[in-house]
Amino acid sequence: MRLLVAALPLFALAAPLPAVAADGEARDTVATLNDPAMQDRMADTISAIVGALMQMPVGPLAEAVARVDPDSGAAYIPADATLGELAGRDPDFADRMADDVRAGTRVAGHAVSAIAVYAPLLKDMARDLAAQWERERAAPRH
């Protein structure tokens, strides 16, 4: 889960990257991702979400699972248990998650910067490869 949450900034960028590079909006995206204040806001948001999830009571869910499957270990989960208690909550987990989000955001900023720099070259390469494909497709078979 930690890796997934830390990679959120990368996932958020994955779909729009070609459009961003093509539209010339990459500078704004790079500036946003490289802004320490924005990184802190993203990290604080993820930290708050993870903290809230860890405090979520799971007793009612465990009771329902125990009714469906009496042989499961769910019957032994206390009624007031939280997700964090079941997961063996590390008190520094949310802070480490926030640090991972900051690092992931910085990496995403570097990635978008590189894509913005290479986008014109990649576009030319794609156009050249498409032209080569058309020539090869039209060439007579030997």
N, C-alpha and C. Protein backbone atom coordinates (compact mmCIF):
# COMPACT_ATOMS: atom_id res chain seq x y z
N MET A 1 0.83 -1.18 0.00
CA MET A 1 0.00 0.00 0.00
C MET A 1 0.87 1.25 0.00
N ARG A 2 1.98 1.19 0.74
CA ARG A 2 2.85 2.35 0.84
C ARG A 2 3.40 2.73 -0.53
N LEU A 3 3.84 1.75 -1.29
CA LEU A 3 4.37 2.00 -2.62
C LEU A 3 3.29 2.59 -3.53
N LEU A 4 2.08 2.06 -3.43
CA LEU A 4 0.99 2.55 -4.24
C LEU A 4 0.70 4.01 -3.95
N VAL A 5 0.62 4.37 -2.70
CA VAL A 5 0.32 5.75 -2.35
C VAL A 5 1.48 6.66 -2.74
N ALA A 6 2.70 6.19 -2.56
CA ALA A 6 3.85 7.01 -2.93
C ALA A 6 3.91 7.24 -4.43
N ALA A 7 3.39 6.30 -5.19
CA ALA A 7 3.40 6.44 -6.65
C ALA A 7 2.21 7.23 -7.18
N LEU A 8 1.31 7.66 -6.35
CA LEU A 8 0.13 8.40 -6.82
C LEU A 8 0.47 9.58 -7.72
N PRO A 9 1.47 10.41 -7.38
CA PRO A 9 1.78 11.51 -8.29
C PRO A 9 2.15 11.04 -9.69
N LEU A 10 2.83 9.90 -9.77
CA LEU A 10 3.20 9.38 -11.09
C LEU A 10 1.98 8.89 -11.85
N PHE A 11 1.07 8.18 -11.14
CA PHE A 11 -0.15 7.71 -11.78
C PHE A 11 -1.01 8.89 -12.24
N ALA A 12 -1.05 9.92 -11.44
CA ALA A 12 -1.87 11.08 -11.79
C ALA A 12 -1.37 11.74 -13.06
N LEU A 13 -0.09 11.60 -13.32
CA LEU A 13 0.49 12.24 -14.50
C LEU A 13 0.51 11.33 -15.72
N ALA A 14 0.41 10.05 -15.52
CA ALA A 14 0.62 9.10 -16.61
C ALA A 14 -0.30 9.33 -17.79
N ALA A 15 -1.57 9.52 -17.57
CA ALA A 15 -2.51 9.68 -18.67
C ALA A 15 -2.32 10.98 -19.44
N PRO A 16 -2.18 12.12 -18.78
CA PRO A 16 -2.12 13.36 -19.55
C PRO A 16 -0.74 13.75 -20.05
N LEU A 17 0.31 12.98 -19.80
CA LEU A 17 1.65 13.41 -20.19
C LEU A 17 1.80 13.72 -21.67
N PRO A 18 1.36 12.87 -22.59
CA PRO A 18 1.53 13.23 -24.00
C PRO A 18 0.79 14.52 -24.35
N ALA A 19 -0.38 14.69 -23.81
CA ALA A 19 -1.15 15.91 -24.10
C ALA A 19 -0.46 17.12 -23.52
N VAL A 20 0.06 16.99 -22.32
CA VAL A 20 0.73 18.12 -21.69
C VAL A 20 1.94 18.53 -22.51
N ALA A 21 2.74 17.55 -22.91
CA ALA A 21 3.93 17.86 -23.69
C ALA A 21 3.56 18.48 -25.02
N ALA A 22 2.52 17.96 -25.64
CA ALA A 22 2.11 18.46 -26.95
C ALA A 22 1.50 19.84 -26.86
N ASP A 23 0.78 20.12 -25.79
CA ASP A 23 0.11 21.41 -25.65
C ASP A 23 1.03 22.51 -25.17
N GLY A 24 2.24 22.19 -24.79
CA GLY A 24 3.14 23.21 -24.30
C GLY A 24 2.83 23.63 -22.87
N GLU A 25 2.00 22.87 -22.17
CA GLU A 25 1.67 23.20 -20.79
C GLU A 25 2.62 22.51 -19.82
N ALA A 26 3.62 21.85 -20.33
CA ALA A 26 4.54 21.10 -19.48
C ALA A 26 5.23 22.01 -18.47
N ARG A 27 5.51 23.25 -18.88
CA ARG A 27 6.18 24.17 -17.95
C ARG A 27 5.36 24.37 -16.68
N ASP A 28 4.03 24.51 -16.84
CA ASP A 28 3.16 24.69 -15.67
C ASP A 28 3.14 23.43 -14.82
N THR A 29 3.09 22.28 -15.47
CA THR A 29 3.07 21.02 -14.74
C THR A 29 4.38 20.83 -13.99
N VAL A 30 5.49 21.09 -14.65
CA VAL A 30 6.80 20.96 -14.03
C VAL A 30 6.91 21.91 -12.84
N ALA A 31 6.48 23.15 -13.03
CA ALA A 31 6.56 24.13 -11.94
C ALA A 31 5.72 23.68 -10.75
N THR A 32 4.55 23.15 -11.02
CA THR A 32 3.67 22.69 -9.94
C THR A 32 4.30 21.52 -9.20
N LEU A 33 4.80 20.54 -9.93
CA LEU A 33 5.38 19.36 -9.30
C LEU A 33 6.68 19.66 -8.57
N ASN A 34 7.42 20.65 -9.04
CA ASN A 34 8.68 21.00 -8.42
C ASN A 34 8.53 22.05 -7.32
N ASP A 35 7.32 22.51 -7.09
CA ASP A 35 7.06 23.51 -6.05
C ASP A 35 7.02 22.82 -4.68
N PRO A 36 7.96 23.14 -3.78
CA PRO A 36 7.97 22.50 -2.46
C PRO A 36 6.66 22.70 -1.69
N ALA A 37 6.02 23.83 -1.85
CA ALA A 37 4.74 24.05 -1.15
C ALA A 37 3.68 23.08 -1.67
N MET A 38 3.66 22.85 -2.97
CA MET A 38 2.70 21.90 -3.55
C MET A 38 3.02 20.48 -3.10
N GLN A 39 4.30 20.14 -3.06
CA GLN A 39 4.71 18.83 -2.58
C GLN A 39 4.24 18.62 -1.14
N ASP A 40 4.41 19.66 -0.33
CA ASP A 40 3.97 19.56 1.06
C ASP A 40 2.46 19.39 1.15
N ARG A 41 1.70 20.13 0.33
CA ARG A 41 0.24 20.00 0.36
C ARG A 41 -0.19 18.60 -0.03
N MET A 42 0.43 18.05 -1.09
CA MET A 42 0.09 16.69 -1.50
C MET A 42 0.45 15.69 -0.39
N ALA A 43 1.64 15.85 0.18
CA ALA A 43 2.08 14.93 1.22
C ALA A 43 1.19 15.04 2.46
N ASP A 44 0.83 16.26 2.84
CA ASP A 44 -0.04 16.44 4.00
C ASP A 44 -1.42 15.83 3.76
N THR A 45 -1.91 15.96 2.54
CA THR A 45 -3.22 15.38 2.20
C THR A 45 -3.18 13.87 2.30
N ILE A 46 -2.17 13.25 1.71
CA ILE A 46 -2.05 11.79 1.75
C ILE A 46 -1.85 11.33 3.19
N SER A 47 -1.03 12.03 3.95
CA SER A 47 -0.80 11.68 5.34
C SER A 47 -2.10 11.72 6.14
N ALA A 48 -2.91 12.74 5.91
CA ALA A 48 -4.19 12.86 6.61
C ALA A 48 -5.14 11.73 6.22
N ILE A 49 -5.17 11.40 4.93
CA ILE A 49 -6.04 10.32 4.47
C ILE A 49 -5.61 8.98 5.08
N VAL A 50 -4.32 8.70 5.04
CA VAL A 50 -3.81 7.44 5.60
C VAL A 50 -4.07 7.41 7.11
N GLY A 51 -3.84 8.53 7.79
CA GLY A 51 -4.11 8.58 9.23
C GLY A 51 -5.56 8.29 9.54
N ALA A 52 -6.46 8.86 8.73
CA ALA A 52 -7.89 8.63 8.94
C ALA A 52 -8.25 7.16 8.66
N LEU A 53 -7.69 6.59 7.60
CA LEU A 53 -7.97 5.19 7.29
C LEU A 53 -7.50 4.26 8.41
N MET A 54 -6.36 4.57 9.00
CA MET A 54 -5.84 3.72 10.06
C MET A 54 -6.71 3.78 11.32
N GLN A 55 -7.50 4.83 11.47
CA GLN A 55 -8.39 4.96 12.62
C GLN A 55 -9.78 4.40 12.35
N MET A 56 -10.01 3.93 11.13
CA MET A 56 -11.33 3.42 10.76
C MET A 56 -11.65 2.14 11.54
N PRO A 57 -12.83 2.10 12.19
CA PRO A 57 -13.20 0.89 12.91
C PRO A 57 -13.55 -0.24 11.94
N VAL A 58 -13.05 -1.42 12.25
CA VAL A 58 -13.31 -2.58 11.39
C VAL A 58 -14.11 -3.66 12.11
N GLY A 59 -14.47 -3.40 13.36
CA GLY A 59 -15.23 -4.37 14.13
C GLY A 59 -16.52 -4.82 13.45
N PRO A 60 -17.36 -3.88 12.97
CA PRO A 60 -18.59 -4.29 12.30
C PRO A 60 -18.34 -5.15 11.06
N LEU A 61 -17.32 -4.83 10.31
CA LEU A 61 -16.98 -5.64 9.13
C LEU A 61 -16.53 -7.03 9.56
N ALA A 62 -15.70 -7.09 10.60
CA ALA A 62 -15.23 -8.39 11.09
C ALA A 62 -16.40 -9.23 11.59
N GLU A 63 -17.36 -8.60 12.24
CA GLU A 63 -18.54 -9.33 12.72
C GLU A 63 -19.33 -9.92 11.56
N ALA A 64 -19.49 -9.13 10.49
CA ALA A 64 -20.22 -9.62 9.32
C ALA A 64 -19.48 -10.78 8.67
N VAL A 65 -18.16 -10.68 8.56
CA VAL A 65 -17.36 -11.76 7.97
C VAL A 65 -17.47 -13.01 8.84
N ALA A 66 -17.45 -12.85 10.16
CA ALA A 66 -17.53 -14.00 11.07
C ALA A 66 -18.89 -14.70 10.96
N ARG A 67 -19.95 -13.93 10.67
CA ARG A 67 -21.26 -14.56 10.50
C ARG A 67 -21.30 -15.40 9.22
N VAL A 68 -20.66 -14.90 8.18
CA VAL A 68 -20.64 -15.61 6.90
C VAL A 68 -19.69 -16.81 6.96
N ASP A 69 -18.55 -16.62 7.61
CA ASP A 69 -17.53 -17.67 7.70
C ASP A 69 -17.08 -17.81 9.15
N PRO A 70 -17.80 -18.60 9.93
CA PRO A 70 -17.48 -18.73 11.36
C PRO A 70 -16.07 -19.29 11.61
N ASP A 71 -15.48 -19.95 10.64
CA ASP A 71 -14.14 -20.51 10.83
C ASP A 71 -13.03 -19.50 10.57
N SER A 72 -13.40 -18.32 10.09
CA SER A 72 -12.38 -17.30 9.81
C SER A 72 -11.87 -16.69 11.12
N GLY A 73 -10.76 -16.03 11.03
CA GLY A 73 -10.20 -15.35 12.19
C GLY A 73 -10.94 -14.08 12.55
N ALA A 74 -11.91 -13.70 11.74
CA ALA A 74 -12.64 -12.46 11.98
C ALA A 74 -13.40 -12.48 13.30
N ALA A 75 -13.78 -13.66 13.75
CA ALA A 75 -14.53 -13.77 15.01
C ALA A 75 -13.69 -13.33 16.21
N TYR A 76 -12.39 -13.32 16.05
CA TYR A 76 -11.50 -12.96 17.15
C TYR A 76 -11.09 -11.49 17.14
N ILE A 77 -11.58 -10.75 16.17
CA ILE A 77 -11.24 -9.32 16.09
C ILE A 77 -12.15 -8.56 17.05
N PRO A 78 -11.56 -7.76 17.94
CA PRO A 78 -12.39 -7.00 18.88
C PRO A 78 -13.35 -6.05 18.16
N ALA A 79 -14.50 -5.84 18.77
CA ALA A 79 -15.53 -5.00 18.16
C ALA A 79 -15.06 -3.57 17.96
N ASP A 80 -14.12 -3.10 18.76
CA ASP A 80 -13.66 -1.71 18.65
C ASP A 80 -12.30 -1.60 17.93
N ALA A 81 -11.86 -2.66 17.26
CA ALA A 81 -10.57 -2.66 16.56
C ALA A 81 -10.58 -1.67 15.41
N THR A 82 -9.41 -1.10 15.14
CA THR A 82 -9.26 -0.20 13.99
C THR A 82 -8.37 -0.87 12.95
N LEU A 83 -8.40 -0.35 11.75
CA LEU A 83 -7.56 -0.87 10.69
C LEU A 83 -6.09 -0.78 11.08
N GLY A 84 -5.71 0.33 11.70
CA GLY A 84 -4.33 0.50 12.13
C GLY A 84 -3.90 -0.55 13.14
N GLU A 85 -4.79 -0.91 14.06
CA GLU A 85 -4.45 -1.94 15.04
C GLU A 85 -4.27 -3.29 14.37
N LEU A 86 -5.12 -3.59 13.42
CA LEU A 86 -5.00 -4.87 12.71
C LEU A 86 -3.76 -4.92 11.85
N ALA A 87 -3.38 -3.79 11.31
CA ALA A 87 -2.22 -3.75 10.43
C ALA A 87 -0.92 -3.66 11.22
N GLY A 88 -1.01 -3.61 12.54
CA GLY A 88 0.20 -3.47 13.34
C GLY A 88 0.74 -2.07 13.18
N ARG A 89 -0.11 -1.10 13.33
CA ARG A 89 0.17 0.30 13.06
C ARG A 89 1.50 0.77 13.61
N ASP A 90 2.28 1.32 12.74
CA ASP A 90 3.53 1.97 13.08
C ASP A 90 3.20 3.44 13.29
N PRO A 91 3.52 4.03 14.43
CA PRO A 91 3.14 5.41 14.68
C PRO A 91 3.76 6.41 13.69
N ASP A 92 4.85 6.04 13.03
CA ASP A 92 5.49 6.93 12.07
C ASP A 92 5.08 6.65 10.64
N PHE A 93 4.12 5.74 10.45
CA PHE A 93 3.72 5.34 9.11
C PHE A 93 3.25 6.52 8.26
N ALA A 94 2.37 7.36 8.80
CA ALA A 94 1.83 8.49 8.04
C ALA A 94 2.94 9.47 7.65
N ASP A 95 3.89 9.70 8.55
CA ASP A 95 5.00 10.60 8.24
C ASP A 95 5.89 10.03 7.14
N ARG A 96 6.17 8.73 7.24
CA ARG A 96 6.98 8.11 6.18
C ARG A 96 6.23 8.14 4.85
N MET A 97 4.92 7.94 4.91
CA MET A 97 4.11 8.00 3.69
C MET A 97 4.20 9.39 3.08
N ALA A 98 4.12 10.41 3.92
CA ALA A 98 4.21 11.79 3.43
C ALA A 98 5.57 12.04 2.77
N ASP A 99 6.64 11.52 3.38
CA ASP A 99 7.97 11.66 2.77
C ASP A 99 8.03 10.95 1.42
N ASP A 100 7.41 9.78 1.34
CA ASP A 100 7.38 9.05 0.06
C ASP A 100 6.60 9.83 -1.00
N VAL A 101 5.52 10.47 -0.60
CA VAL A 101 4.74 11.26 -1.56
C VAL A 101 5.56 12.46 -2.05
N ARG A 102 6.27 13.11 -1.13
CA ARG A 102 7.13 14.22 -1.55
C ARG A 102 8.16 13.74 -2.57
N ALA A 103 8.81 12.61 -2.26
CA ALA A 103 9.82 12.08 -3.17
C ALA A 103 9.19 11.69 -4.51
N GLY A 104 8.02 11.05 -4.46
CA GLY A 104 7.33 10.67 -5.70
C GLY A 104 6.94 11.87 -6.53
N THR A 105 6.55 12.94 -5.88
CA THR A 105 6.19 14.16 -6.60
C THR A 105 7.42 14.77 -7.26
N ARG A 106 8.54 14.77 -6.54
CA ARG A 106 9.77 15.30 -7.14
C ARG A 106 10.18 14.47 -8.36
N VAL A 107 10.08 13.14 -8.23
CA VAL A 107 10.43 12.26 -9.36
C VAL A 107 9.49 12.53 -10.54
N ALA A 108 8.20 12.72 -10.25
CA ALA A 108 7.24 13.03 -11.32
C ALA A 108 7.62 14.35 -11.99
N GLY A 109 8.05 15.33 -11.21
CA GLY A 109 8.49 16.60 -11.78
C GLY A 109 9.69 16.42 -12.70
N HIS A 110 10.64 15.58 -12.28
CA HIS A 110 11.80 15.30 -13.13
C HIS A 110 11.38 14.60 -14.42
N ALA A 111 10.44 13.66 -14.28
CA ALA A 111 9.97 12.91 -15.45
C ALA A 111 9.29 13.84 -16.45
N VAL A 112 8.43 14.72 -15.96
CA VAL A 112 7.73 15.64 -16.86
C VAL A 112 8.72 16.61 -17.48
N SER A 113 9.72 17.03 -16.72
CA SER A 113 10.76 17.91 -17.27
C SER A 113 11.46 17.23 -18.44
N ALA A 114 11.83 15.97 -18.24
CA ALA A 114 12.52 15.23 -19.30
C ALA A 114 11.61 15.04 -20.51
N ILE A 115 10.36 14.71 -20.27
CA ILE A 115 9.43 14.52 -21.39
C ILE A 115 9.25 15.83 -22.15
N ALA A 116 9.16 16.93 -21.44
CA ALA A 116 9.00 18.22 -22.11
C ALA A 116 10.21 18.54 -22.99
N VAL A 117 11.40 18.19 -22.50
CA VAL A 117 12.62 18.45 -23.28
C VAL A 117 12.67 17.55 -24.51
N TYR A 118 12.31 16.28 -24.34
CA TYR A 118 12.43 15.32 -25.42
C TYR A 118 11.20 15.24 -26.32
N ALA A 119 10.10 15.87 -25.94
CA ALA A 119 8.86 15.75 -26.70
C ALA A 119 9.02 16.11 -28.17
N PRO A 120 9.66 17.23 -28.51
CA PRO A 120 9.81 17.54 -29.94
C PRO A 120 10.59 16.46 -30.69
N LEU A 121 11.65 15.95 -30.08
CA LEU A 121 12.44 14.90 -30.71
C LEU A 121 11.62 13.62 -30.88
N LEU A 122 10.89 13.24 -29.83
CA LEU A 122 10.06 12.04 -29.91
C LEU A 122 8.96 12.19 -30.95
N LYS A 123 8.40 13.39 -31.06
CA LYS A 123 7.37 13.64 -32.06
C LYS A 123 7.94 13.48 -33.47
N ASP A 124 9.14 14.03 -33.67
CA ASP A 124 9.80 13.88 -34.98
C ASP A 124 10.12 12.42 -35.27
N MET A 125 10.59 11.70 -34.25
CA MET A 125 10.89 10.28 -34.45
C MET A 125 9.64 9.50 -34.82
N ALA A 126 8.54 9.78 -34.12
CA ALA A 126 7.29 9.07 -34.42
C ALA A 126 6.83 9.37 -35.84
N ARG A 127 6.94 10.62 -36.25
CA ARG A 127 6.55 11.00 -37.61
C ARG A 127 7.44 10.29 -38.64
N ASP A 128 8.75 10.21 -38.35
CA ASP A 128 9.69 9.54 -39.25
C ASP A 128 9.40 8.04 -39.33
N LEU A 129 9.14 7.43 -38.19
CA LEU A 129 8.82 5.99 -38.17
C LEU A 129 7.52 5.71 -38.93
N ALA A 130 6.54 6.59 -38.78
CA ALA A 130 5.28 6.41 -39.50
C ALA A 130 5.51 6.50 -41.01
N ALA A 131 6.36 7.44 -41.43
CA ALA A 131 6.67 7.58 -42.85
C ALA A 131 7.42 6.34 -43.36
N GLN A 132 8.36 5.83 -42.55
CA GLN A 132 9.07 4.61 -42.94
C GLN A 132 8.10 3.43 -43.05
N TRP A 133 7.17 3.34 -42.12
CA TRP A 133 6.17 2.28 -42.14
C TRP A 133 5.37 2.33 -43.45
N GLU A 134 4.94 3.51 -43.80
CA GLU A 134 4.16 3.67 -45.03
C GLU A 134 4.98 3.28 -46.25
N ARG A 135 6.25 3.68 -46.29
CA ARG A 135 7.12 3.31 -47.43
C ARG A 135 7.30 1.79 -47.51
N GLU A 136 7.55 1.16 -46.35
CA GLU A 136 7.76 -0.28 -46.33
C GLU A 136 6.48 -1.03 -46.70
N ARG A 137 5.37 -0.53 -46.25
CA ARG A 137 4.10 -1.17 -46.58
C ARG A 137 3.79 -1.07 -48.07
N ALA A 138 4.18 0.04 -48.68
CA ALA A 138 3.91 0.25 -50.09
C ALA A 138 4.95 -0.42 -51.00
N ALA A 139 6.10 -0.82 -50.43
CA ALA A 139 7.15 -1.41 -51.24
C ALA A 139 6.72 -2.79 -51.74
N PRO A 140 7.13 -3.13 -52.97
CA PRO A 140 6.76 -4.44 -53.51
C PRO A 140 7.48 -5.55 -52.75
N ARG A 141 6.82 -6.70 -52.69
CA ARG A 141 7.42 -7.87 -52.04
C ARG A 141 8.46 -8.46 -52.97
N HIS A 142 9.47 -9.01 -52.40
CA HIS A 142 10.52 -9.66 -53.22
C HIS A 142 10.40 -11.12 -53.18
